[in-house]
Amino acid sequence: MDYIYAFLVGGAICALVQVLMEKTKLMPGRIMVILVCGGAVLGALGLYEPFKEFAGAGASVPLLGFGNVLWQGVKEAIDKDGFMGIYMGGFTASAVGISAALVFSYLASLVFQPKMKG
């Protein structure tokens, strides 16, 4: 059932984003910011962890999960380093994911040889 819940929740998040893109004048970048901020707010309110336990990867993979990771990193860094944790926590918590995205994007560009539209 875990796979089904992940599929349904992840699909619902994607469908909601698609509705926002089609029915509003919001640009994709703004929708992504809304998702990241939403994940951080849900984490701060303590609502994200129960949601993630129910939905699994359906909740942790989309941008909501990235926002929650940033929030968790900031929270832990503030507990450890005080005020400076506000600036360090998000970078520390998300460094591995961002680095992997950069490395794999570069490797994909070598394999597929992208070209500029002209």
C-alpha atoms as a PDB file:
ATOM      1  CA  MET A   1       0.000   0.000   0.000  1.00  0.00           C
ATOM      2  CA  ASP A   2       2.963   2.329   0.546  1.00  0.00           C
ATOM      3  CA  TYR A   3       3.556   2.514  -3.200  1.00  0.00           C
ATOM      4  CA  ILE A   4      -0.089   3.285  -3.881  1.00  0.00           C
ATOM      5  CA  TYR A   5      -0.181   6.066  -1.281  1.00  0.00           C
ATOM      6  CA  ALA A   6       3.047   7.550  -2.656  1.00  0.00           C
ATOM      7  CA  PHE A   7       1.656   7.426  -6.196  1.00  0.00           C
ATOM      8  CA  LEU A   8      -1.675   8.973  -5.226  1.00  0.00           C
ATOM      9  CA  VAL A   9      -0.227  11.763  -3.094  1.00  0.00           C
ATOM     10  CA  GLY A  10       2.584  12.593  -5.526  1.00  0.00           C
ATOM     11  CA  GLY A  11       0.089  12.543  -8.381  1.00  0.00           C
ATOM     12  CA  ALA A  12      -2.298  14.806  -6.469  1.00  0.00           C
ATOM     13  CA  ILE A  13       0.493  17.311  -5.829  1.00  0.00           C
ATOM     14  CA  CYS A  14       1.454  17.271  -9.512  1.00  0.00           C
ATOM     15  CA  ALA A  15      -2.194  17.614 -10.569  1.00  0.00           C
ATOM     16  CA  LEU A  16      -2.647  20.583  -8.233  1.00  0.00           C
ATOM     17  CA  VAL A  17       0.428  22.254  -9.722  1.00  0.00           C
ATOM     18  CA  GLN A  18      -0.850  21.597 -13.226  1.00  0.00           C
ATOM     19  CA  VAL A  19      -4.203  23.187 -12.332  1.00  0.00           C
ATOM     20  CA  LEU A  20      -2.371  26.217 -10.942  1.00  0.00           C
ATOM     21  CA  MET A  21      -0.359  26.515 -14.149  1.00  0.00           C
ATOM     22  CA  GLU A  22      -3.403  26.188 -16.410  1.00  0.00           C
ATOM     23  CA  LYS A  23      -5.996  28.216 -14.498  1.00  0.00           C
ATOM     24  CA  THR A  24      -3.924  31.063 -13.039  1.00  0.00           C
ATOM     25  CA  LYS A  25      -1.423  33.516 -14.405  1.00  0.00           C
ATOM     26  CA  LEU A  26       1.244  32.258 -12.012  1.00  0.00           C
ATOM     27  CA  MET A  27       4.559  31.522 -13.677  1.00  0.00           C
ATOM     28  CA  PRO A  28       6.177  28.117 -13.014  1.00  0.00           C
ATOM     29  CA  GLY A  29       8.948  29.704 -10.940  1.00  0.00           C
ATOM     30  CA  ARG A  30       6.423  31.265  -8.593  1.00  0.00           C
ATOM     31  CA  ILE A  31       4.569  27.985  -8.231  1.00  0.00           C
ATOM     32  CA  MET A  32       7.850  26.275  -7.324  1.00  0.00           C
ATOM     33  CA  VAL A  33       8.505  28.936  -4.680  1.00  0.00           C
ATOM     34  CA  ILE A  34       4.992  28.401  -3.290  1.00  0.00           C
ATOM     35  CA  LEU A  35       5.678  24.663  -3.009  1.00  0.00           C
ATOM     36  CA  VAL A  36       9.050  25.110  -1.281  1.00  0.00           C
ATOM     37  CA  CYS A  37       7.629  27.688   1.140  1.00  0.00           C
ATOM     38  CA  GLY A  38       4.590  25.477   1.722  1.00  0.00           C
ATOM     39  CA  GLY A  39       6.818  22.558   2.673  1.00  0.00           C
ATOM     40  CA  ALA A  40       8.775  24.762   5.077  1.00  0.00           C
ATOM     41  CA  VAL A  41       5.588  26.121   6.662  1.00  0.00           C
ATOM     42  CA  LEU A  42       4.069  22.644   7.008  1.00  0.00           C
ATOM     43  CA  GLY A  43       7.307  21.499   8.644  1.00  0.00           C
ATOM     44  CA  ALA A  44       7.308  24.441  11.034  1.00  0.00           C
ATOM     45  CA  LEU A  45       3.715  23.698  12.031  1.00  0.00           C
ATOM     46  CA  GLY A  46       4.555  20.036  12.626  1.00  0.00           C
ATOM     47  CA  LEU A  47       2.185  18.846   9.903  1.00  0.00           C
ATOM     48  CA  TYR A  48       4.737  17.636   7.366  1.00  0.00           C
ATOM     49  CA  GLU A  49       6.133  14.637   9.274  1.00  0.00           C
ATOM     50  CA  PRO A  50       2.759  12.866   9.678  1.00  0.00           C
ATOM     51  CA  PHE A  51       2.009  13.683   6.024  1.00  0.00           C
ATOM     52  CA  LYS A  52       5.381  12.232   4.963  1.00  0.00           C
ATOM     53  CA  GLU A  53       4.861   9.100   7.055  1.00  0.00           C
ATOM     54  CA  PHE A  54       1.543   8.510   5.280  1.00  0.00           C
ATOM     55  CA  ALA A  55       2.631   9.390   1.746  1.00  0.00           C
ATOM     56  CA  GLY A  56       6.299   8.328   1.773  1.00  0.00           C
ATOM     57  CA  ALA A  57       8.140   9.347  -1.393  1.00  0.00           C
ATOM     58  CA  GLY A  58       4.954  10.937  -2.731  1.00  0.00           C
ATOM     59  CA  ALA A  59       5.499  13.693  -0.182  1.00  0.00           C
ATOM     60  CA  SER A  60       9.270  13.756   0.179  1.00  0.00           C
ATOM     61  CA  VAL A  61      10.303  13.874  -3.482  1.00  0.00           C
ATOM     62  CA  PRO A  62       8.337  16.910  -4.774  1.00  0.00           C
ATOM     63  CA  LEU A  63       9.333  20.467  -3.927  1.00  0.00           C
ATOM     64  CA  LEU A  64       7.289  20.316  -0.737  1.00  0.00           C
ATOM     65  CA  GLY A  65       9.902  17.869   0.537  1.00  0.00           C
ATOM     66  CA  PHE A  66      12.731  20.244  -0.379  1.00  0.00           C
ATOM     67  CA  GLY A  67      11.097  23.009   1.629  1.00  0.00           C
ATOM     68  CA  ASN A  68      10.781  20.681   4.586  1.00  0.00           C
ATOM     69  CA  VAL A  69      14.439  19.647   4.304  1.00  0.00           C
ATOM     70  CA  LEU A  70      15.432  23.324   4.368  1.00  0.00           C
ATOM     71  CA  TRP A  71      13.260  23.911   7.432  1.00  0.00           C
ATOM     72  CA  GLN A  72      14.676  20.878   9.276  1.00  0.00           C
ATOM     73  CA  GLY A  73      18.233  21.976   8.511  1.00  0.00           C
ATOM     74  CA  VAL A  74      17.614  25.497   9.763  1.00  0.00           C
ATOM     75  CA  LYS A  75      15.894  24.227  12.909  1.00  0.00           C
ATOM     76  CA  GLU A  76      18.759  21.854  13.751  1.00  0.00           C
ATOM     77  CA  ALA A  77      21.419  24.484  13.000  1.00  0.00           C
ATOM     78  CA  ILE A  78      19.699  27.064  15.207  1.00  0.00           C
ATOM     79  CA  ASP A  79      19.656  24.553  18.074  1.00  0.00           C
ATOM     80  CA  LYS A  80      23.353  23.835  17.527  1.00  0.00           C
ATOM     81  CA  ASP A  81      24.842  27.187  16.421  1.00  0.00           C
ATOM     82  CA  GLY A  82      22.318  29.774  17.545  1.00  0.00           C
ATOM     83  CA  PHE A  83      21.446  32.734  15.342  1.00  0.00           C
ATOM     84  CA  MET A  84      24.001  31.882  12.645  1.00  0.00           C
ATOM     85  CA  GLY A  85      22.140  28.612  12.096  1.00  0.00           C
ATOM     86  CA  ILE A  86      19.501  30.591  10.224  1.00  0.00           C
ATOM     87  CA  TYR A  87      22.030  31.144   7.449  1.00  0.00           C
ATOM     88  CA  MET A  88      23.903  27.833   7.579  1.00  0.00           C
ATOM     89  CA  GLY A  89      21.196  25.241   8.190  1.00  0.00           C
ATOM     90  CA  GLY A  90      19.456  25.256   4.836  1.00  0.00           C
ATOM     91  CA  PHE A  91      22.722  24.994   2.924  1.00  0.00           C
ATOM     92  CA  THR A  92      24.001  22.154   5.092  1.00  0.00           C
ATOM     93  CA  ALA A  93      20.795  20.138   4.904  1.00  0.00           C
ATOM     94  CA  SER A  94      20.304  20.477   1.154  1.00  0.00           C
ATOM     95  CA  ALA A  95      23.920  20.365  -0.038  1.00  0.00           C
ATOM     96  CA  VAL A  96      23.915  16.699  -1.031  1.00  0.00           C
ATOM     97  CA  GLY A  97      20.705  16.940  -3.064  1.00  0.00           C
ATOM     98  CA  ILE A  98      21.740  20.123  -4.838  1.00  0.00           C
ATOM     99  CA  SER A  99      25.208  18.751  -5.573  1.00  0.00           C
ATOM    100  CA  ALA A 100      23.746  15.540  -6.994  1.00  0.00           C
ATOM    101  CA  ALA A 101      21.383  17.535  -9.212  1.00  0.00           C
ATOM    102  CA  LEU A 102      24.286  19.580 -10.573  1.00  0.00           C
ATOM    103  CA  VAL A 103      26.515  16.563 -11.222  1.00  0.00           C
ATOM    104  CA  PHE A 104      23.808  14.497 -12.906  1.00  0.00           C
ATOM    105  CA  SER A 105      22.622  17.470 -14.962  1.00  0.00           C
ATOM    106  CA  TYR A 106      26.150  17.976 -16.217  1.00  0.00           C
ATOM    107  CA  LEU A 107      26.523  14.277 -17.058  1.00  0.00           C
ATOM    108  CA  ALA A 108      23.187  14.320 -18.900  1.00  0.00           C
ATOM    109  CA  SER A 109      24.352  17.328 -20.912  1.00  0.00           C
ATOM    110  CA  LEU A 110      27.445  15.395 -21.974  1.00  0.00           C
ATOM    111  CA  VAL A 111      25.418  12.379 -23.052  1.00  0.00           C
ATOM    112  CA  PHE A 112      22.605  14.171 -24.878  1.00  0.00           C
ATOM    113  CA  GLN A 113      24.523  17.193 -26.255  1.00  0.00           C
ATOM    114  CA  PRO A 114      21.837  19.878 -25.778  1.00  0.00           C
ATOM    115  CA  LYS A 115      21.650  22.760 -28.242  1.00  0.00           C
ATOM    116  CA  MET A 116      20.324  26.298 -27.874  1.00  0.00           C
ATOM    117  CA  LYS A 117      17.062  27.093 -29.581  1.00  0.00           C
ATOM    118  CA  GLY A 118      17.663  29.394 -32.446  1.00  0.00           C
END
